[in-house]
C-alpha cells in the first residue's frame, strides 16, 4: 500500500485532544494510521475536494480531510453525527482557505 503524509490542522488536533471518550480517540488515531498506509476504509466524498472517514464508535465520529496532490492528506476537522452538517461546512471552509493561501 502507498504511504501517505498526514497533516493536521490545529482545529483537528484540538478536537481530537478534547475528545473525552478514550476508546473513540484511539479509534480515530487508528483510522488515521491506516489512512497513512493507504487504507481509508469507510469514507465518502462530500464534494468541493473534501471527504469524510467514518469511525463507527460512540455517536459515529467523522474525520474530514482533503487531498493536496497525490501524496499529502490534510485533516481538516472532526465531529460526530449530531454536528455533521456544520462540521462539513467548516471542513469545506478550511479547505478553501488552505487552497487560497497556497496560490
PDB file of N, CA and C in Angstrom:
ATOM      1  N   UNK A   1       0.833  -1.185   0.000  1.00  0.00           N
ATOM      2  CA  UNK A   1       0.000   0.000   0.000  1.00  0.00           C
ATOM      3  C   UNK A   1       0.876   1.247   0.000  1.00  0.00           C
ATOM      4  N   UNK A   2       0.313   2.329  -0.501  1.00  0.00           N
ATOM      5  CA  UNK A   2       1.042   3.591  -0.565  1.00  0.00           C
ATOM      6  C   UNK A   2       1.120   4.244   0.803  1.00  0.00           C
ATOM      7  N   UNK A   3       2.250   4.830   1.081  1.00  0.00           N
ATOM      8  CA  UNK A   3       2.421   5.598   2.317  1.00  0.00           C
ATOM      9  C   UNK A   3       2.039   7.042   2.027  1.00  0.00           C
ATOM     10  N   UNK A   4       1.149   7.592   2.823  1.00  0.00           N
ATOM     11  CA  UNK A   4       0.706   8.970   2.674  1.00  0.00           C
ATOM     12  C   UNK A   4       1.246   9.806   3.819  1.00  0.00           C
ATOM     13  N   UNK A   5       1.465  11.069   3.530  1.00  0.00           N
ATOM     14  CA  UNK A   5       1.840  12.008   4.576  1.00  0.00           C
ATOM     15  C   UNK A   5       0.560  12.629   5.112  1.00  0.00           C
ATOM     16  N   UNK A   6       0.361  12.548   6.412  1.00  0.00           N
ATOM     17  CA  UNK A   6      -0.845  13.084   7.035  1.00  0.00           C
ATOM     18  C   UNK A   6      -0.487  14.377   7.755  1.00  0.00           C
ATOM     19  N   UNK A   7      -1.212  15.441   7.430  1.00  0.00           N
ATOM     20  CA  UNK A   7      -1.017  16.723   8.092  1.00  0.00           C
ATOM     21  C   UNK A   7      -2.316  17.091   8.791  1.00  0.00           C
ATOM     22  N   UNK A   8      -2.211  17.663   9.968  1.00  0.00           N
ATOM     23  CA  UNK A   8      -3.406  18.027  10.740  1.00  0.00           C
ATOM     24  C   UNK A   8      -3.511  19.540  10.876  1.00  0.00           C
ATOM     25  N   UNK A   9      -4.725  20.045  10.806  1.00  0.00           N
ATOM     26  CA  UNK A   9      -4.925  21.443  11.166  1.00  0.00           C
ATOM     27  C   UNK A   9      -4.912  21.537  12.686  1.00  0.00           C
ATOM     28  N   UNK A  10      -4.661  22.734  13.191  1.00  0.00           N
ATOM     29  CA  UNK A  10      -4.742  22.944  14.636  1.00  0.00           C
ATOM     30  C   UNK A  10      -6.147  22.641  15.138  1.00  0.00           C
ATOM     31  N   UNK A  11      -7.142  22.987  14.329  1.00  0.00           N
ATOM     32  CA  UNK A  11      -8.536  22.739  14.713  1.00  0.00           C
ATOM     33  C   UNK A  11      -8.776  21.244  14.920  1.00  0.00           C
ATOM     34  N   UNK A  12      -8.247  20.421  14.009  1.00  0.00           N
ATOM     35  CA  UNK A  12      -8.419  18.978  14.157  1.00  0.00           C
ATOM     36  C   UNK A  12      -7.689  18.474  15.399  1.00  0.00           C
ATOM     37  N   UNK A  13      -6.460  18.906  15.589  1.00  0.00           N
ATOM     38  CA  UNK A  13      -5.684  18.467  16.756  1.00  0.00           C
ATOM     39  C   UNK A  13      -6.381  18.852  18.054  1.00  0.00           C
ATOM     40  N   UNK A  14      -6.944  20.057  18.092  1.00  0.00           N
ATOM     41  CA  UNK A  14      -7.681  20.498  19.281  1.00  0.00           C
ATOM     42  C   UNK A  14      -8.905  19.625  19.518  1.00  0.00           C
ATOM     43  N   UNK A  15      -9.649  19.341  18.444  1.00  0.00           N
ATOM     44  CA  UNK A  15     -10.842  18.492  18.565  1.00  0.00           C
ATOM     45  C   UNK A  15     -10.464  17.117  19.108  1.00  0.00           C
ATOM     46  N   UNK A  16      -9.420  16.530  18.555  1.00  0.00           N
ATOM     47  CA  UNK A  16      -9.010  15.192  18.976  1.00  0.00           C
ATOM     48  C   UNK A  16      -8.561  15.192  20.436  1.00  0.00           C
ATOM     49  N   UNK A  17      -7.828  16.201  20.843  1.00  0.00           N
ATOM     50  CA  UNK A  17      -7.345  16.243  22.230  1.00  0.00           C
ATOM     51  C   UNK A  17      -8.484  16.485  23.220  1.00  0.00           C
ATOM     52  N   UNK A  18      -9.567  17.119  22.778  1.00  0.00           N
ATOM     53  CA  UNK A  18     -10.722  17.355  23.653  1.00  0.00           C
ATOM     54  C   UNK A  18     -11.674  16.167  23.710  1.00  0.00           C
ATOM     55  N   UNK A  19     -11.475  15.181  22.854  1.00  0.00           N
ATOM     56  CA  UNK A  19     -12.364  14.022  22.813  1.00  0.00           C
ATOM     57  C   UNK A  19     -12.214  13.235  24.114  1.00  0.00           C
ATOM     58  N   UNK A  20     -13.259  13.240  24.936  1.00  0.00           N
ATOM     59  CA  UNK A  20     -13.185  12.617  26.261  1.00  0.00           C
ATOM     60  C   UNK A  20     -13.285  11.103  26.203  1.00  0.00           C
ATOM     61  N   UNK A  21     -13.971  10.585  25.194  1.00  0.00           N
ATOM     62  CA  UNK A  21     -14.129   9.138  25.032  1.00  0.00           C
ATOM     63  C   UNK A  21     -12.796   8.570  24.535  1.00  0.00           C
ATOM     64  N   UNK A  22     -12.047   7.951  25.434  1.00  0.00           N
ATOM     65  CA  UNK A  22     -10.708   7.460  25.080  1.00  0.00           C
ATOM     66  C   UNK A  22     -10.755   6.353  24.039  1.00  0.00           C
ATOM     67  N   UNK A  23     -11.801   5.522  24.073  1.00  0.00           N
ATOM     68  CA  UNK A  23     -11.949   4.471  23.060  1.00  0.00           C
ATOM     69  C   UNK A  23     -12.148   5.108  21.681  1.00  0.00           C
ATOM     70  N   UNK A  24     -12.943   6.149  21.623  1.00  0.00           N
ATOM     71  CA  UNK A  24     -13.178   6.842  20.356  1.00  0.00           C
ATOM     72  C   UNK A  24     -11.901   7.521  19.875  1.00  0.00           C
ATOM     73  N   UNK A  25     -11.177   8.163  20.792  1.00  0.00           N
ATOM     74  CA  UNK A  25      -9.924   8.821  20.410  1.00  0.00           C
ATOM     75  C   UNK A  25      -8.949   7.803  19.827  1.00  0.00           C
ATOM     76  N   UNK A  26      -8.852   6.650  20.476  1.00  0.00           N
ATOM     77  CA  UNK A  26      -7.960   5.592  19.978  1.00  0.00           C
ATOM     78  C   UNK A  26      -8.411   5.118  18.602  1.00  0.00           C
ATOM     79  N   UNK A  27      -9.727   4.970  18.404  1.00  0.00           N
ATOM     80  CA  UNK A  27     -10.253   4.516  17.113  1.00  0.00           C
ATOM     81  C   UNK A  27      -9.942   5.530  16.012  1.00  0.00           C
ATOM     82  N   UNK A  28     -10.049   6.813  16.321  1.00  0.00           N
ATOM     83  CA  UNK A  28      -9.729   7.853  15.339  1.00  0.00           C
ATOM     84  C   UNK A  28      -8.246   7.791  14.979  1.00  0.00           C
ATOM     85  N   UNK A  29      -7.399   7.634  15.977  1.00  0.00           N
ATOM     86  CA  UNK A  29      -5.953   7.558  15.727  1.00  0.00           C
ATOM     87  C   UNK A  29      -5.613   6.345  14.863  1.00  0.00           C
ATOM     88  N   UNK A  30      -6.264   5.211  15.132  1.00  0.00           N
ATOM     89  CA  UNK A  30      -6.047   4.008  14.313  1.00  0.00           C
ATOM     90  C   UNK A  30      -6.468   4.276  12.871  1.00  0.00           C
ATOM     91  N   UNK A  31      -7.615   4.949  12.678  1.00  0.00           N
ATOM     92  CA  UNK A  31      -8.077   5.260  11.310  1.00  0.00           C
ATOM     93  C   UNK A  31      -7.072   6.141  10.586  1.00  0.00           C
ATOM     94  N   UNK A  32      -6.501   7.106  11.293  1.00  0.00           N
ATOM     95  CA  UNK A  32      -5.507   7.991  10.679  1.00  0.00           C
ATOM     96  C   UNK A  32      -4.272   7.193  10.277  1.00  0.00           C
ATOM     97  N   UNK A  33      -3.833   6.306  11.141  1.00  0.00           N
ATOM     98  CA  UNK A  33      -2.658   5.478  10.825  1.00  0.00           C
ATOM     99  C   UNK A  33      -2.933   4.582   9.620  1.00  0.00           C
ATOM    100  N   UNK A  34      -4.138   4.046   9.531  1.00  0.00           N
ATOM    101  CA  UNK A  34      -4.492   3.221   8.362  1.00  0.00           C
ATOM    102  C   UNK A  34      -4.521   4.061   7.091  1.00  0.00           C
ATOM    103  N   UNK A  35      -5.061   5.275   7.188  1.00  0.00           N
ATOM    104  CA  UNK A  35      -5.086   6.170   6.026  1.00  0.00           C
ATOM    105  C   UNK A  35      -3.670   6.502   5.584  1.00  0.00           C
ATOM    106  N   UNK A  36      -2.788   6.647   6.547  1.00  0.00           N
ATOM    107  CA  UNK A  36      -1.386   6.916   6.234  1.00  0.00           C
ATOM    108  C   UNK A  36      -0.795   5.780   5.398  1.00  0.00           C
ATOM    109  N   UNK A  37      -1.276   4.573   5.621  1.00  0.00           N
ATOM    110  CA  UNK A  37      -0.810   3.406   4.867  1.00  0.00           C
ATOM    111  C   UNK A  37      -1.590   3.205   3.561  1.00  0.00           C
ATOM    112  N   UNK A  38      -2.573   4.078   3.289  1.00  0.00           N
ATOM    113  CA  UNK A  38      -3.334   3.986   2.048  1.00  0.00           C
ATOM    114  C   UNK A  38      -4.703   3.360   2.193  1.00  0.00           C
ATOM    115  N   UNK A  39      -5.084   2.957   3.408  1.00  0.00           N
ATOM    116  CA  UNK A  39      -6.380   2.321   3.641  1.00  0.00           C
ATOM    117  C   UNK A  39      -7.313   3.305   4.339  1.00  0.00           C
ATOM    118  N   UNK A  40      -8.193   3.932   3.554  1.00  0.00           N
ATOM    119  CA  UNK A  40      -9.112   4.910   4.122  1.00  0.00           C
ATOM    120  C   UNK A  40     -10.392   4.279   4.653  1.00  0.00           C
ATOM    121  N   UNK A  41     -10.592   3.007   4.414  1.00  0.00           N
ATOM    122  CA  UNK A  41     -11.757   2.321   4.970  1.00  0.00           C
ATOM    123  C   UNK A  41     -13.060   2.989   4.566  1.00  0.00           C
ATOM    124  N   UNK A  42     -14.004   3.058   5.509  1.00  0.00           N
ATOM    125  CA  UNK A  42     -15.327   3.627   5.266  1.00  0.00           C
ATOM    126  C   UNK A  42     -15.197   5.142   5.133  1.00  0.00           C
ATOM    127  N   UNK A  43     -15.294   5.626   3.901  1.00  0.00           N
ATOM    128  CA  UNK A  43     -15.178   7.061   3.660  1.00  0.00           C
ATOM    129  C   UNK A  43     -16.128   7.476   2.553  1.00  0.00           C
ATOM    130  N   UNK A  44     -16.347   8.778   2.447  1.00  0.00           N
ATOM    131  CA  UNK A  44     -17.313   9.294   1.480  1.00  0.00           C
ATOM    132  C   UNK A  44     -16.835  10.643   0.957  1.00  0.00           C
ATOM    133  N   UNK A  45     -16.963  10.846  -0.356  1.00  0.00           N
ATOM    134  CA  UNK A  45     -16.661  12.130  -0.980  1.00  0.00           C
ATOM    135  C   UNK A  45     -17.827  13.075  -0.693  1.00  0.00           C
ATOM    136  N   UNK A  46     -17.523  14.256  -0.175  1.00  0.00           N
ATOM    137  CA  UNK A  46     -18.562  15.224   0.184  1.00  0.00           C
ATOM    138  C   UNK A  46     -18.640  16.389  -0.793  1.00  0.00           C
ATOM    139  N   UNK A  47     -17.781  16.382  -1.809  1.00  0.00           N
ATOM    140  CA  UNK A  47     -17.755  17.474  -2.775  1.00  0.00           C
ATOM    141  C   UNK A  47     -16.777  18.561  -2.370  1.00  0.00           C
ATOM    142  N   UNK A  48     -16.446  19.417  -3.311  1.00  0.00           N
ATOM    143  CA  UNK A  48     -15.512  20.529  -3.097  1.00  0.00           C
ATOM    144  C   UNK A  48     -14.152  20.063  -2.601  1.00  0.00           C
ATOM    145  N   UNK A  49     -13.770  18.827  -2.926  1.00  0.00           N
ATOM    146  CA  UNK A  49     -12.464  18.309  -2.548  1.00  0.00           C
ATOM    147  C   UNK A  49     -12.376  17.735  -1.149  1.00  0.00           C
ATOM    148  N   UNK A  50     -13.480  17.745  -0.410  1.00  0.00           N
ATOM    149  CA  UNK A  50     -13.496  17.276   0.977  1.00  0.00           C
ATOM    150  C   UNK A  50     -14.162  15.907   1.052  1.00  0.00           C
ATOM    151  N   UNK A  51     -13.587  15.043   1.880  1.00  0.00           N
ATOM    152  CA  UNK A  51     -14.147  13.711   2.126  1.00  0.00           C
ATOM    153  C   UNK A  51     -14.229  13.486   3.626  1.00  0.00           C
ATOM    154  N   UNK A  52     -14.972  12.448   4.008  1.00  0.00           N
ATOM    155  CA  UNK A  52     -15.043  12.101   5.422  1.00  0.00           C
ATOM    156  C   UNK A  52     -14.693  10.635   5.605  1.00  0.00           C
ATOM    157  N   UNK A  53     -13.966  10.368   6.680  1.00  0.00           N
ATOM    158  CA  UNK A  53     -13.753   8.998   7.143  1.00  0.00           C
ATOM    159  C   UNK A  53     -14.727   8.797   8.286  1.00  0.00           C
ATOM    160  N   UNK A  54     -15.478   7.713   8.237  1.00  0.00           N
ATOM    161  CA  UNK A  54     -16.446   7.433   9.294  1.00  0.00           C
ATOM    162  C   UNK A  54     -15.828   6.461  10.286  1.00  0.00           C
ATOM    163  N   UNK A  55     -15.954   6.800  11.562  1.00  0.00           N
ATOM    164  CA  UNK A  55     -15.419   5.978  12.643  1.00  0.00           C
ATOM    165  C   UNK A  55     -16.610   5.458  13.429  1.00  0.00           C
ATOM    166  N   UNK A  56     -16.840   4.155  13.349  1.00  0.00           N
ATOM    167  CA  UNK A  56     -18.039   3.548  13.928  1.00  0.00           C
ATOM    168  C   UNK A  56     -17.839   3.233  15.410  1.00  0.00           C
ATOM    169  N   UNK A  57     -17.711   4.286  16.200  1.00  0.00           N
ATOM    170  CA  UNK A  57     -17.562   4.173  17.650  1.00  0.00           C
ATOM    171  C   UNK A  57     -18.406   5.282  18.265  1.00  0.00           C
ATOM    172  N   UNK A  58     -19.041   5.006  19.380  1.00  0.00           N
ATOM    173  CA  UNK A  58     -19.832   6.028  20.063  1.00  0.00           C
ATOM    174  C   UNK A  58     -20.914   6.585  19.161  1.00  0.00           C
ATOM    175  N   UNK A  59     -21.028   7.932  19.110  1.00  0.00           N
ATOM    176  CA  UNK A  59     -22.096   8.550  18.326  1.00  0.00           C
ATOM    177  C   UNK A  59     -21.822   8.593  16.822  1.00  0.00           C
ATOM    178  N   UNK A  60     -20.765   7.940  16.359  1.00  0.00           N
ATOM    179  CA  UNK A  60     -20.448   7.945  14.934  1.00  0.00           C
ATOM    180  C   UNK A  60     -19.562   9.117  14.583  1.00  0.00           C
ATOM    181  N   UNK A  61     -18.305   9.025  14.934  1.00  0.00           N
ATOM    182  CA  UNK A  61     -17.363  10.123  14.700  1.00  0.00           C
ATOM    183  C   UNK A  61     -16.981  10.213  13.236  1.00  0.00           C
ATOM    184  N   UNK A  62     -16.646  11.429  12.818  1.00  0.00           N
ATOM    185  CA  UNK A  62     -16.242  11.710  11.447  1.00  0.00           C
ATOM    186  C   UNK A  62     -14.918  12.467  11.471  1.00  0.00           C
ATOM    187  N   UNK A  63     -14.061  12.144  10.518  1.00  0.00           N
ATOM    188  CA  UNK A  63     -12.815  12.880  10.314  1.00  0.00           C
ATOM    189  C   UNK A  63     -12.868  13.424   8.892  1.00  0.00           C
ATOM    190  N   UNK A  64     -12.795  14.731   8.763  1.00  0.00           N
ATOM    191  CA  UNK A  64     -12.900  15.380   7.460  1.00  0.00           C
ATOM    192  C   UNK A  64     -11.505  15.686   6.928  1.00  0.00           C
ATOM    193  N   UNK A  65     -11.288  15.358   5.661  1.00  0.00           N
ATOM    194  CA  UNK A  65      -9.954  15.525   5.078  1.00  0.00           C
ATOM    195  C   UNK A  65     -10.061  15.911   3.615  1.00  0.00           C
ATOM    196  N   UNK A  66      -8.949  16.362   3.073  1.00  0.00           N
ATOM    197  CA  UNK A  66      -8.854  16.695   1.652  1.00  0.00           C
ATOM    198  C   UNK A  66      -7.459  16.339   1.182  1.00  0.00           C
ATOM    199  N   UNK A  67      -7.340  16.079  -0.096  1.00  0.00           N
ATOM    200  CA  UNK A  67      -6.041  15.743  -0.686  1.00  0.00           C
ATOM    201  C   UNK A  67      -5.434  16.969  -1.339  1.00  0.00           C
ATOM    202  N   UNK A  68      -4.139  17.064  -1.219  1.00  0.00           N
ATOM    203  CA  UNK A  68      -3.386  18.069  -1.972  1.00  0.00           C
ATOM    204  C   UNK A  68      -2.385  17.283  -2.792  1.00  0.00           C
ATOM    205  N   UNK A  69      -2.657  17.156  -4.070  1.00  0.00           N
ATOM    206  CA  UNK A  69      -1.823  16.318  -4.912  1.00  0.00           C
ATOM    207  C   UNK A  69      -2.123  14.851  -4.656  1.00  0.00           C
ATOM    208  N   UNK A  70      -1.135  14.010  -4.889  1.00  0.00           N
ATOM    209  CA  UNK A  70      -1.343  12.572  -4.730  1.00  0.00           C
ATOM    210  C   UNK A  70      -0.758  12.037  -3.440  1.00  0.00           C
ATOM    211  N   UNK A  71      -0.087  12.876  -2.680  1.00  0.00           N
ATOM    212  CA  UNK A  71       0.650  12.356  -1.535  1.00  0.00           C
ATOM    213  C   UNK A  71       0.140  12.894  -0.200  1.00  0.00           C
ATOM    214  N   UNK A  72      -0.120  14.183  -0.111  1.00  0.00           N
ATOM    215  CA  UNK A  72      -0.415  14.797   1.181  1.00  0.00           C
ATOM    216  C   UNK A  72      -1.914  14.800   1.440  1.00  0.00           C
ATOM    217  N   UNK A  73      -2.284  14.426   2.632  1.00  0.00           N
ATOM    218  CA  UNK A  73      -3.676  14.467   3.056  1.00  0.00           C
ATOM    219  C   UNK A  73      -3.777  15.422   4.221  1.00  0.00           C
ATOM    220  N   UNK A  74      -4.735  16.287   4.188  1.00  0.00           N
ATOM    221  CA  UNK A  74      -4.887  17.311   5.202  1.00  0.00           C
ATOM    222  C   UNK A  74      -6.109  16.985   6.057  1.00  0.00           C
ATOM    223  N   UNK A  75      -5.910  16.748   7.345  1.00  0.00           N
ATOM    224  CA  UNK A  75      -7.028  16.516   8.254  1.00  0.00           C
ATOM    225  C   UNK A  75      -7.579  17.867   8.671  1.00  0.00           C
ATOM    226  N   UNK A  76      -8.802  18.126   8.293  1.00  0.00           N
ATOM    227  CA  UNK A  76      -9.377  19.446   8.484  1.00  0.00           C
ATOM    228  C   UNK A  76     -10.056  19.598   9.834  1.00  0.00           C
ATOM    229  N   UNK A  77     -10.956  18.697  10.142  1.00  0.00           N
ATOM    230  CA  UNK A  77     -11.711  18.813  11.378  1.00  0.00           C
ATOM    231  C   UNK A  77     -12.343  17.470  11.690  1.00  0.00           C
ATOM    232  N   UNK A  78     -12.988  17.404  12.829  1.00  0.00           N
ATOM    233  CA  UNK A  78     -13.661  16.180  13.236  1.00  0.00           C
ATOM    234  C   UNK A  78     -14.963  16.524  13.923  1.00  0.00           C
ATOM    235  N   UNK A  79     -15.789  15.526  14.111  1.00  0.00           N
ATOM    236  CA  UNK A  79     -17.071  15.727  14.770  1.00  0.00           C
ATOM    237  C   UNK A  79     -17.794  14.410  14.878  1.00  0.00           C
ATOM    238  N   UNK A  80     -19.073  14.491  15.211  1.00  0.00           N
ATOM    239  CA  UNK A  80     -19.879  13.277  15.248  1.00  0.00           C
ATOM    240  C   UNK A  80     -21.158  13.510  14.447  1.00  0.00           C
ATOM    241  N   UNK A  81     -21.989  12.508  14.400  1.00  0.00           N
ATOM    242  CA  UNK A  81     -23.188  12.548  13.568  1.00  0.00           C
ATOM    243  C   UNK A  81     -24.081  13.747  13.913  1.00  0.00           C
ATOM    244  N   UNK A  82     -24.141  14.112  15.198  1.00  0.00           N
ATOM    245  CA  UNK A  82     -25.050  15.185  15.614  1.00  0.00           C
ATOM    246  C   UNK A  82     -24.646  16.555  15.069  1.00  0.00           C
ATOM    247  N   UNK A  83     -23.370  16.763  14.807  1.00  0.00           N
ATOM    248  CA  UNK A  83     -22.900  18.066  14.316  1.00  0.00           C
ATOM    249  C   UNK A  83     -22.423  17.988  12.866  1.00  0.00           C
ATOM    250  N   UNK A  84     -22.826  16.942  12.170  1.00  0.00           N
ATOM    251  CA  UNK A  84     -22.288  16.643  10.845  1.00  0.00           C
ATOM    252  C   UNK A  84     -22.459  17.781   9.841  1.00  0.00           C
ATOM    253  N   UNK A  85     -23.634  18.382   9.770  1.00  0.00           N
ATOM    254  CA  UNK A  85     -23.875  19.423   8.772  1.00  0.00           C
ATOM    255  C   UNK A  85     -22.942  20.608   8.968  1.00  0.00           C
ATOM    256  N   UNK A  86     -22.828  21.096  10.196  1.00  0.00           N
ATOM    257  CA  UNK A  86     -21.935  22.236  10.442  1.00  0.00           C
ATOM    258  C   UNK A  86     -20.471  21.829  10.323  1.00  0.00           C
ATOM    259  N   UNK A  87     -20.137  20.589  10.679  1.00  0.00           N
ATOM    260  CA  UNK A  87     -18.757  20.109  10.550  1.00  0.00           C
ATOM    261  C   UNK A  87     -18.328  20.056   9.090  1.00  0.00           C
ATOM    262  N   UNK A  88     -19.216  19.590   8.222  1.00  0.00           N
ATOM    263  CA  UNK A  88     -18.904  19.521   6.790  1.00  0.00           C
ATOM    264  C   UNK A  88     -18.699  20.928   6.237  1.00  0.00           C
ATOM    265  N   UNK A  89     -19.588  21.841   6.604  1.00  0.00           N
ATOM    266  CA  UNK A  89     -19.460  23.225   6.142  1.00  0.00           C
ATOM    267  C   UNK A  89     -18.113  23.807   6.594  1.00  0.00           C
ATOM    268  N   UNK A  90     -17.746  23.577   7.845  1.00  0.00           N
ATOM    269  CA  UNK A  90     -16.482  24.091   8.384  1.00  0.00           C
ATOM    270  C   UNK A  90     -15.283  23.466   7.669  1.00  0.00           C
ATOM    271  N   UNK A  91     -15.335  22.157   7.416  1.00  0.00           N
ATOM    272  CA  UNK A  91     -14.235  21.482   6.720  1.00  0.00           C
ATOM    273  C   UNK A  91     -14.052  22.063   5.321  1.00  0.00           C
ATOM    274  N   UNK A  92     -15.150  22.328   4.628  1.00  0.00           N
ATOM    275  CA  UNK A  92     -15.062  22.912   3.288  1.00  0.00           C
ATOM    276  C   UNK A  92     -14.492  24.328   3.341  1.00  0.00           C
ATOM    277  N   UNK A  93     -14.869  25.094   4.371  1.00  0.00           N
ATOM    278  CA  UNK A  93     -14.310  26.438   4.539  1.00  0.00           C
ATOM    279  C   UNK A  93     -12.804  26.374   4.783  1.00  0.00           C
ATOM    280  N   UNK A  94     -12.383  25.457   5.643  1.00  0.00           N
ATOM    281  CA  UNK A  94     -10.956  25.305   5.936  1.00  0.00           C
ATOM    282  C   UNK A  94     -10.179  24.912   4.685  1.00  0.00           C
ATOM    283  N   UNK A  95     -10.730  23.997   3.904  1.00  0.00           N
ATOM    284  CA  UNK A  95     -10.053  23.546   2.691  1.00  0.00           C
ATOM    285  C   UNK A  95      -9.949  24.681   1.679  1.00  0.00           C
ATOM    286  N   UNK A  96     -11.032  25.440   1.490  1.00  0.00           N
ATOM    287  CA  UNK A  96     -10.999  26.561   0.552  1.00  0.00           C
ATOM    288  C   UNK A  96      -9.968  27.597   0.998  1.00  0.00           C
ATOM    289  N   UNK A  97      -9.905  27.858   2.284  1.00  0.00           N
ATOM    290  CA  UNK A  97      -8.931  28.805   2.823  1.00  0.00           C
ATOM    291  C   UNK A  97      -7.504  28.300   2.611  1.00  0.00           C
ATOM    292  N   UNK A  98      -7.287  27.020   2.846  1.00  0.00           N
ATOM    293  CA  UNK A  98      -5.965  26.423   2.648  1.00  0.00           C
ATOM    294  C   UNK A  98      -5.523  26.560   1.195  1.00  0.00           C
ATOM    295  N   UNK A  99      -6.418  26.223   0.264  1.00  0.00           N
ATOM    296  CA  UNK A  99      -6.077  26.310  -1.158  1.00  0.00           C
ATOM    297  C   UNK A  99      -5.780  27.751  -1.566  1.00  0.00           C
ATOM    298  N   UNK A 100      -6.542  28.689  -1.023  1.00  0.00           N
ATOM    299  CA  UNK A 100      -6.333  30.101  -1.352  1.00  0.00           C
ATOM    300  C   UNK A 100      -4.962  30.565  -0.859  1.00  0.00           C
ATOM    301  N   UNK A 101      -4.576  30.141   0.342  1.00  0.00           N
ATOM    302  CA  UNK A 101      -3.269  30.512   0.890  1.00  0.00           C
ATOM    303  C   UNK A 101      -2.128  29.925   0.066  1.00  0.00           C
ATOM    304  N   UNK A 102      -2.348  28.756  -0.540  1.00  0.00           N
ATOM    305  CA  UNK A 102      -1.303  28.087  -1.317  1.00  0.00           C
ATOM    306  C   UNK A 102      -1.116  28.693  -2.700  1.00  0.00           C
ATOM    307  N   UNK A 103      -2.106  29.456  -3.172  1.00  0.00           N
ATOM    308  CA  UNK A 103      -1.999  30.010  -4.536  1.00  0.00           C
ATOM    309  C   UNK A 103      -1.417  31.397  -4.554  1.00  0.00           C
TER     310      UNK A 103
END
